[in-house]
N, C-alpha and C. Protein backbone atom coordinates (compact mmCIF):
# COMPACT_ATOMS: atom_id res chain seq x y z
N MET A 1 243.51 53.18 309.46
CA MET A 1 244.25 53.30 308.24
C MET A 1 243.67 54.37 307.34
N SER A 2 242.75 55.15 307.81
CA SER A 2 242.06 56.09 306.96
C SER A 2 241.80 57.37 307.70
N ASP A 3 241.54 58.42 306.94
CA ASP A 3 241.12 59.68 307.55
C ASP A 3 239.70 59.55 308.09
N HIS A 4 238.96 58.61 307.54
CA HIS A 4 237.58 58.38 307.96
C HIS A 4 237.57 57.36 309.09
N GLN A 5 236.58 57.46 309.94
CA GLN A 5 236.42 56.43 310.96
C GLN A 5 235.84 55.20 310.28
N ALA A 6 236.45 54.07 310.51
CA ALA A 6 235.96 52.83 309.91
C ALA A 6 234.57 52.53 310.44
N ASN A 7 233.71 52.11 309.54
CA ASN A 7 232.37 51.72 309.91
C ASN A 7 232.46 50.43 310.70
N PRO A 8 232.02 50.42 311.97
CA PRO A 8 232.14 49.22 312.77
C PRO A 8 231.22 48.10 312.31
N GLU A 9 230.27 48.43 311.46
CA GLU A 9 229.35 47.40 310.99
C GLU A 9 229.98 46.64 309.84
N THR A 10 229.44 45.48 309.59
CA THR A 10 229.92 44.66 308.50
C THR A 10 229.57 45.35 307.18
N PRO A 11 230.54 45.39 306.25
CA PRO A 11 230.23 46.00 304.96
C PRO A 11 229.18 45.17 304.23
N SER A 12 228.41 45.84 303.36
CA SER A 12 227.36 45.12 302.64
C SER A 12 227.96 44.20 301.58
N ALA A 13 229.13 44.53 301.08
CA ALA A 13 229.80 43.67 300.09
C ALA A 13 230.43 42.48 300.81
N LYS A 14 230.50 41.36 300.11
CA LYS A 14 231.16 40.17 300.66
C LYS A 14 232.67 40.32 300.47
N VAL A 15 233.41 40.25 301.56
CA VAL A 15 234.86 40.38 301.52
C VAL A 15 235.48 38.99 301.43
N THR A 16 236.36 38.81 300.44
CA THR A 16 237.02 37.52 300.23
C THR A 16 238.51 37.74 299.98
N LEU A 17 239.27 36.68 300.18
CA LEU A 17 240.70 36.65 299.88
C LEU A 17 240.87 35.75 298.66
N GLN A 18 241.43 36.29 297.58
CA GLN A 18 241.51 35.53 296.33
C GLN A 18 242.94 35.50 295.81
N GLU A 19 243.29 34.37 295.19
CA GLU A 19 244.60 34.26 294.56
C GLU A 19 244.71 35.29 293.45
N ILE A 20 245.91 35.80 293.26
CA ILE A 20 246.18 36.76 292.20
C ILE A 20 246.59 35.97 290.97
N THR A 21 245.97 36.28 289.85
CA THR A 21 246.22 35.56 288.61
C THR A 21 246.80 36.51 287.56
N GLU A 22 247.18 35.94 286.45
CA GLU A 22 247.67 36.74 285.32
C GLU A 22 246.61 37.76 284.90
N GLN A 23 245.34 37.38 285.00
CA GLN A 23 244.25 38.26 284.60
C GLN A 23 243.97 39.36 285.63
N THR A 24 244.28 39.12 286.90
CA THR A 24 243.92 40.10 287.94
C THR A 24 245.09 40.91 288.47
N VAL A 25 246.32 40.54 288.14
CA VAL A 25 247.48 41.20 288.73
C VAL A 25 247.52 42.69 288.41
N GLY A 26 247.10 43.09 287.22
CA GLY A 26 247.12 44.51 286.86
C GLY A 26 246.27 45.34 287.80
N ALA A 27 245.09 44.86 288.11
CA ALA A 27 244.20 45.59 289.02
C ALA A 27 244.79 45.69 290.42
N ILE A 28 245.47 44.64 290.86
CA ILE A 28 246.08 44.65 292.19
C ILE A 28 247.26 45.61 292.23
N LEU A 29 248.01 45.67 291.15
CA LEU A 29 249.15 46.59 291.09
C LEU A 29 248.70 48.05 291.10
N ARG A 30 247.49 48.34 290.64
CA ARG A 30 246.99 49.72 290.62
C ARG A 30 246.45 50.19 291.97
N LEU A 31 246.26 49.29 292.92
CA LEU A 31 245.77 49.69 294.24
C LEU A 31 246.85 50.48 294.97
N GLU A 32 246.45 51.54 295.67
CA GLU A 32 247.41 52.37 296.41
C GLU A 32 246.80 52.83 297.73
N VAL A 33 247.65 52.98 298.71
CA VAL A 33 247.20 53.60 299.96
C VAL A 33 247.18 55.12 299.76
N ALA A 34 246.63 55.83 300.73
CA ALA A 34 246.62 57.29 300.68
C ALA A 34 248.05 57.82 300.74
N ASP A 35 248.25 59.01 300.20
CA ASP A 35 249.60 59.59 300.16
C ASP A 35 250.28 59.60 301.53
N HIS A 36 249.54 59.96 302.58
CA HIS A 36 250.15 60.05 303.92
C HIS A 36 250.46 58.67 304.51
N GLN A 37 250.06 57.59 303.84
CA GLN A 37 250.32 56.24 304.32
C GLN A 37 251.45 55.54 303.57
N LYS A 38 251.96 56.17 302.52
CA LYS A 38 252.94 55.49 301.65
C LYS A 38 254.24 55.15 302.36
N ASN A 39 254.58 55.84 303.45
CA ASN A 39 255.79 55.50 304.21
C ASN A 39 255.58 54.28 305.10
N PHE A 40 254.35 53.80 305.21
CA PHE A 40 254.04 52.71 306.12
C PHE A 40 254.01 51.33 305.47
N VAL A 41 253.92 51.27 304.14
CA VAL A 41 253.79 49.96 303.47
C VAL A 41 254.40 50.03 302.07
N ALA A 42 255.04 48.94 301.67
CA ALA A 42 255.61 48.85 300.32
C ALA A 42 254.49 48.75 299.29
N SER A 43 254.80 49.09 298.07
CA SER A 43 253.82 48.96 296.99
C SER A 43 253.49 47.48 296.77
N ASN A 44 252.34 47.23 296.15
CA ASN A 44 251.96 45.85 295.85
C ASN A 44 252.91 45.22 294.84
N ALA A 45 253.48 46.02 293.94
CA ALA A 45 254.44 45.49 292.98
C ALA A 45 255.67 44.94 293.70
N VAL A 46 256.19 45.69 294.66
CA VAL A 46 257.35 45.24 295.43
C VAL A 46 256.97 43.99 296.23
N SER A 47 255.80 44.00 296.86
CA SER A 47 255.38 42.85 297.67
C SER A 47 255.22 41.58 296.84
N ILE A 48 254.60 41.69 295.68
CA ILE A 48 254.40 40.51 294.84
C ILE A 48 255.74 39.99 294.34
N ALA A 49 256.63 40.89 293.98
CA ALA A 49 257.97 40.45 293.55
C ALA A 49 258.68 39.71 294.68
N GLN A 50 258.63 40.26 295.90
CA GLN A 50 259.25 39.59 297.04
C GLN A 50 258.60 38.23 297.29
N ALA A 51 257.29 38.16 297.14
CA ALA A 51 256.58 36.91 297.39
C ALA A 51 257.06 35.79 296.47
N TYR A 52 257.31 36.12 295.23
CA TYR A 52 257.74 35.09 294.28
C TYR A 52 259.15 34.57 294.55
N PHE A 53 259.91 35.28 295.36
CA PHE A 53 261.27 34.84 295.68
C PHE A 53 261.41 34.39 297.13
N SER A 54 260.29 34.26 297.84
CA SER A 54 260.32 33.81 299.22
C SER A 54 259.52 32.52 299.35
N LYS A 55 260.15 31.50 299.91
CA LYS A 55 259.44 30.24 300.11
C LYS A 55 258.41 30.34 301.24
N ASN A 56 258.47 31.42 302.01
CA ASN A 56 257.56 31.56 303.15
C ASN A 56 256.43 32.56 302.92
N ALA A 57 256.29 33.07 301.71
CA ALA A 57 255.24 34.07 301.45
C ALA A 57 253.93 33.40 301.06
N TRP A 58 252.86 33.88 301.65
CA TRP A 58 251.49 33.52 301.28
C TRP A 58 250.80 34.84 301.02
N PHE A 59 250.24 35.04 299.83
CA PHE A 59 249.64 36.34 299.52
C PHE A 59 248.34 36.17 298.75
N ARG A 60 247.47 37.17 298.94
CA ARG A 60 246.16 37.17 298.31
C ARG A 60 245.71 38.61 298.05
N ALA A 61 244.83 38.74 297.08
CA ALA A 61 244.12 40.00 296.86
C ALA A 61 242.90 40.00 297.78
N ILE A 62 242.54 41.17 298.24
CA ILE A 62 241.33 41.33 299.04
C ILE A 62 240.26 41.91 298.13
N TYR A 63 239.12 41.25 298.07
CA TYR A 63 238.02 41.69 297.23
C TYR A 63 236.80 42.03 298.07
N ALA A 64 236.03 43.02 297.61
CA ALA A 64 234.69 43.30 298.11
C ALA A 64 233.77 42.98 296.94
N ASP A 65 233.02 41.92 297.07
CA ASP A 65 232.28 41.35 295.94
C ASP A 65 233.27 41.09 294.81
N GLU A 66 233.11 41.73 293.66
CA GLU A 66 234.00 41.49 292.52
C GLU A 66 235.07 42.58 292.36
N THR A 67 235.15 43.50 293.32
CA THR A 67 236.07 44.63 293.22
C THR A 67 237.31 44.40 294.06
N PRO A 68 238.51 44.47 293.46
CA PRO A 68 239.72 44.37 294.27
C PRO A 68 239.88 45.62 295.13
N VAL A 69 240.08 45.42 296.43
CA VAL A 69 240.17 46.57 297.35
C VAL A 69 241.46 46.58 298.16
N GLY A 70 242.25 45.48 298.13
CA GLY A 70 243.45 45.46 298.96
C GLY A 70 244.33 44.26 298.66
N PHE A 71 245.37 44.15 299.48
CA PHE A 71 246.39 43.12 299.31
C PHE A 71 246.89 42.70 300.68
N VAL A 72 247.16 41.41 300.83
CA VAL A 72 247.73 40.89 302.06
C VAL A 72 248.83 39.89 301.72
N MET A 73 249.89 39.91 302.52
CA MET A 73 250.95 38.92 302.39
C MET A 73 251.37 38.51 303.80
N LEU A 74 251.44 37.20 304.00
CA LEU A 74 251.88 36.64 305.27
C LEU A 74 253.24 36.01 305.11
N TYR A 75 254.01 36.01 306.18
CA TYR A 75 255.21 35.18 306.30
C TYR A 75 254.75 33.95 307.07
N VAL A 76 254.89 32.78 306.45
CA VAL A 76 254.40 31.54 307.04
C VAL A 76 255.55 30.55 307.14
N ASP A 77 255.90 30.16 308.35
CA ASP A 77 256.89 29.12 308.57
C ASP A 77 256.28 28.09 309.52
N GLU A 78 255.69 27.05 308.93
CA GLU A 78 254.99 26.03 309.72
C GLU A 78 255.94 25.19 310.55
N THR A 79 257.24 25.18 310.22
CA THR A 79 258.19 24.35 310.96
C THR A 79 258.51 24.94 312.33
N LYS A 80 258.36 26.26 312.51
CA LYS A 80 258.76 26.87 313.81
C LYS A 80 257.69 26.74 314.89
N PRO A 81 256.44 26.94 314.78
CA PRO A 81 255.68 27.68 313.78
C PRO A 81 255.76 29.19 314.02
N GLU A 82 255.79 29.95 312.92
CA GLU A 82 255.85 31.42 313.00
C GLU A 82 254.99 32.01 311.90
N TYR A 83 254.09 32.90 312.29
CA TYR A 83 253.15 33.50 311.36
C TYR A 83 253.14 35.01 311.56
N VAL A 84 253.39 35.74 310.46
CA VAL A 84 253.54 37.19 310.54
C VAL A 84 252.75 37.85 309.41
N LEU A 85 252.03 38.90 309.74
CA LEU A 85 251.41 39.75 308.74
C LEU A 85 252.53 40.60 308.15
N TRP A 86 252.96 40.25 306.95
CA TRP A 86 254.13 40.86 306.33
C TRP A 86 253.73 42.15 305.61
N ARG A 87 252.64 42.11 304.86
CA ARG A 87 252.12 43.29 304.17
C ARG A 87 250.60 43.29 304.26
N TYR A 88 250.06 44.49 304.35
CA TYR A 88 248.61 44.61 304.44
C TYR A 88 248.22 46.01 303.99
N MET A 89 247.35 46.08 303.01
CA MET A 89 246.92 47.40 302.55
C MET A 89 245.49 47.33 302.01
N ILE A 90 244.80 48.46 302.19
CA ILE A 90 243.49 48.67 301.58
C ILE A 90 243.61 49.92 300.72
N ASP A 91 243.10 49.86 299.50
CA ASP A 91 243.19 50.98 298.58
C ASP A 91 242.58 52.24 299.19
N ARG A 92 243.22 53.37 298.89
CA ARG A 92 242.79 54.65 299.47
C ARG A 92 241.32 54.96 299.22
N GLN A 93 240.78 54.52 298.08
CA GLN A 93 239.38 54.80 297.77
C GLN A 93 238.42 53.83 298.45
N GLN A 94 238.95 52.79 299.07
CA GLN A 94 238.11 51.77 299.70
C GLN A 94 238.21 51.80 301.22
N GLN A 95 239.03 52.69 301.77
CA GLN A 95 239.20 52.75 303.22
C GLN A 95 237.97 53.36 303.88
N GLY A 96 237.74 52.98 305.12
CA GLY A 96 236.62 53.51 305.88
C GLY A 96 235.30 52.83 305.60
N LYS A 97 235.33 51.74 304.86
CA LYS A 97 234.10 51.02 304.49
C LYS A 97 233.95 49.71 305.25
N GLY A 98 234.92 49.38 306.11
CA GLY A 98 234.85 48.14 306.88
C GLY A 98 235.53 46.96 306.20
N TYR A 99 236.03 47.14 304.98
CA TYR A 99 236.66 46.03 304.26
C TYR A 99 237.95 45.57 304.94
N GLY A 100 238.75 46.52 305.43
CA GLY A 100 240.01 46.16 306.07
C GLY A 100 239.79 45.30 307.30
N ARG A 101 238.83 45.68 308.11
CA ARG A 101 238.52 44.93 309.33
C ARG A 101 238.04 43.52 308.99
N GLN A 102 237.10 43.43 308.04
CA GLN A 102 236.57 42.13 307.67
C GLN A 102 237.65 41.24 307.06
N ALA A 103 238.52 41.82 306.24
CA ALA A 103 239.60 41.04 305.64
C ALA A 103 240.56 40.54 306.70
N LEU A 104 240.93 41.41 307.64
CA LEU A 104 241.88 40.98 308.67
C LEU A 104 241.28 39.91 309.57
N LEU A 105 239.99 39.97 309.82
CA LEU A 105 239.34 38.90 310.58
C LEU A 105 239.43 37.57 309.82
N LYS A 106 239.27 37.61 308.50
CA LYS A 106 239.41 36.39 307.69
C LYS A 106 240.85 35.88 307.72
N ILE A 107 241.80 36.80 307.68
CA ILE A 107 243.21 36.43 307.73
C ILE A 107 243.54 35.78 309.07
N ILE A 108 243.03 36.35 310.15
CA ILE A 108 243.26 35.79 311.49
C ILE A 108 242.68 34.37 311.55
N GLU A 109 241.50 34.17 311.00
CA GLU A 109 240.91 32.82 310.98
C GLU A 109 241.77 31.87 310.16
N HIS A 110 242.30 32.35 309.05
CA HIS A 110 243.20 31.52 308.23
C HIS A 110 244.42 31.09 309.05
N VAL A 111 245.04 32.04 309.75
CA VAL A 111 246.23 31.74 310.54
C VAL A 111 245.90 30.77 311.67
N ARG A 112 244.74 30.95 312.31
CA ARG A 112 244.33 30.02 313.38
C ARG A 112 244.29 28.58 312.90
N GLY A 113 244.00 28.38 311.62
CA GLY A 113 243.91 27.04 311.06
C GLY A 113 245.24 26.45 310.63
N LEU A 114 246.33 27.21 310.75
CA LEU A 114 247.64 26.71 310.34
C LEU A 114 248.27 25.88 311.46
N PRO A 115 249.14 24.94 311.12
CA PRO A 115 249.73 24.03 312.12
C PRO A 115 250.44 24.78 313.25
N GLY A 116 250.07 24.46 314.47
CA GLY A 116 250.74 24.98 315.65
C GLY A 116 250.56 26.47 315.90
N ALA A 117 249.64 27.11 315.21
CA ALA A 117 249.47 28.56 315.35
C ALA A 117 248.97 28.92 316.75
N GLN A 118 249.78 29.67 317.48
CA GLN A 118 249.40 30.16 318.80
C GLN A 118 249.50 31.67 318.89
N GLU A 119 250.37 32.25 318.03
CA GLU A 119 250.55 33.70 318.01
C GLU A 119 250.64 34.16 316.56
N PHE A 120 250.16 35.38 316.33
CA PHE A 120 250.20 36.00 315.01
C PHE A 120 250.83 37.37 315.21
N PHE A 121 251.92 37.62 314.50
CA PHE A 121 252.69 38.85 314.68
C PHE A 121 252.51 39.80 313.50
N LEU A 122 252.78 41.06 313.76
CA LEU A 122 252.85 42.07 312.72
C LEU A 122 253.77 43.18 313.23
N SER A 123 254.14 44.07 312.34
CA SER A 123 254.92 45.23 312.75
C SER A 123 254.37 46.45 312.03
N TYR A 124 254.63 47.62 312.60
CA TYR A 124 254.19 48.86 311.97
C TYR A 124 255.25 49.93 312.19
N VAL A 125 255.25 50.88 311.27
CA VAL A 125 256.17 52.01 311.34
C VAL A 125 255.52 53.08 312.22
N PRO A 126 256.20 53.48 313.31
CA PRO A 126 255.63 54.54 314.14
C PRO A 126 255.54 55.85 313.36
N GLY A 127 254.60 56.67 313.74
CA GLY A 127 254.44 57.97 313.09
C GLY A 127 252.98 58.32 312.97
N GLU A 128 252.73 59.58 312.72
CA GLU A 128 251.36 60.06 312.62
C GLU A 128 250.64 59.36 311.48
N GLY A 129 249.45 58.84 311.76
CA GLY A 129 248.65 58.16 310.75
C GLY A 129 248.95 56.67 310.62
N ASN A 130 249.77 56.13 311.53
CA ASN A 130 250.07 54.69 311.46
C ASN A 130 248.83 53.87 311.83
N PRO A 131 248.84 52.57 311.53
CA PRO A 131 247.65 51.74 311.76
C PRO A 131 247.52 51.16 313.17
N LEU A 132 248.28 51.64 314.14
CA LEU A 132 248.24 51.09 315.50
C LEU A 132 246.81 50.97 316.04
N PRO A 133 245.98 52.02 316.02
CA PRO A 133 244.63 51.88 316.59
C PRO A 133 243.79 50.81 315.89
N PHE A 134 243.95 50.69 314.59
CA PHE A 134 243.23 49.67 313.83
C PHE A 134 243.59 48.27 314.33
N TYR A 135 244.89 48.01 314.48
CA TYR A 135 245.34 46.70 314.94
C TYR A 135 244.92 46.44 316.40
N GLN A 136 244.98 47.47 317.24
CA GLN A 136 244.58 47.30 318.64
C GLN A 136 243.12 46.92 318.75
N LYS A 137 242.26 47.50 317.93
CA LYS A 137 240.83 47.18 317.96
C LYS A 137 240.56 45.71 317.64
N LEU A 138 241.51 45.09 316.91
CA LEU A 138 241.34 43.68 316.55
C LEU A 138 242.07 42.75 317.52
N GLY A 139 242.62 43.31 318.61
CA GLY A 139 243.20 42.48 319.66
C GLY A 139 244.70 42.36 319.67
N PHE A 140 245.39 42.99 318.73
CA PHE A 140 246.85 42.96 318.72
C PHE A 140 247.38 43.87 319.83
N VAL A 141 248.47 43.45 320.48
CA VAL A 141 249.09 44.24 321.53
C VAL A 141 250.58 44.38 321.21
N GLU A 142 251.13 45.50 321.63
CA GLU A 142 252.55 45.74 321.41
C GLU A 142 253.37 44.82 322.30
N THR A 143 254.46 44.30 321.75
CA THR A 143 255.32 43.39 322.51
C THR A 143 256.46 44.12 323.21
N GLY A 144 256.73 45.35 322.79
CA GLY A 144 257.88 46.09 323.30
C GLY A 144 259.13 45.86 322.46
N ASP A 145 259.03 44.93 321.51
CA ASP A 145 260.16 44.62 320.64
C ASP A 145 260.09 45.46 319.36
N TRP A 146 261.25 45.60 318.74
CA TRP A 146 261.39 46.35 317.49
C TRP A 146 262.07 45.46 316.46
N ASP A 147 261.80 45.72 315.18
CA ASP A 147 262.49 45.04 314.08
C ASP A 147 262.71 46.06 312.97
N GLU A 148 263.97 46.39 312.74
CA GLU A 148 264.35 47.33 311.68
C GLU A 148 263.50 48.60 311.70
N GLY A 149 263.39 49.20 312.88
CA GLY A 149 262.67 50.47 313.02
C GLY A 149 261.16 50.34 313.09
N GLU A 150 260.65 49.12 313.15
CA GLU A 150 259.21 48.90 313.26
C GLU A 150 258.88 48.26 314.60
N LYS A 151 257.76 48.70 315.18
CA LYS A 151 257.28 48.14 316.44
C LYS A 151 256.53 46.83 316.18
N ILE A 152 256.79 45.84 317.02
CA ILE A 152 256.17 44.52 316.86
C ILE A 152 254.91 44.43 317.71
N MET A 153 253.88 43.82 317.12
CA MET A 153 252.63 43.54 317.84
C MET A 153 252.33 42.06 317.67
N LYS A 154 251.54 41.52 318.61
CA LYS A 154 251.12 40.13 318.45
C LYS A 154 249.68 39.96 318.90
N LEU A 155 249.08 38.93 318.34
CA LEU A 155 247.75 38.51 318.71
C LEU A 155 247.88 37.07 319.20
N THR A 156 247.44 36.80 320.42
CA THR A 156 247.44 35.43 320.92
C THR A 156 246.19 34.75 320.35
N LEU A 157 246.40 33.62 319.69
CA LEU A 157 245.30 32.96 318.98
C LEU A 157 244.54 31.99 319.83
């Protein structure tokens, strides 16, 4: 997700997933991906608005220690069960530090703990600079399926 190679080592900061509050929403709204990545993910403002109108949205801010560095939103339907990484971003100034990898590992562990979770899906927009290699390194594989111009990947849990 970055022009820099992600540091394969664990970042020195503690990466956590935290609820977004009235006090923290402004900082989360200011996070942005790099210019060349803007076609790959909606803004956090759009994502948070969608989350409030979806009964299946689960979303959190990604922090490194006390600094907000990203945003994640899942589509969660425990009745099917179906779990999808709906939105995922790391701020352009925080990429390449290992935060994205550590956060996604925490998200995967969260999904593993949900009822009936056997697969975790995501999709990405094809094109230069897309996050495919990042997701592959974490075990996601392409399914061959498409959804609204995006390629589907899954992780068997």
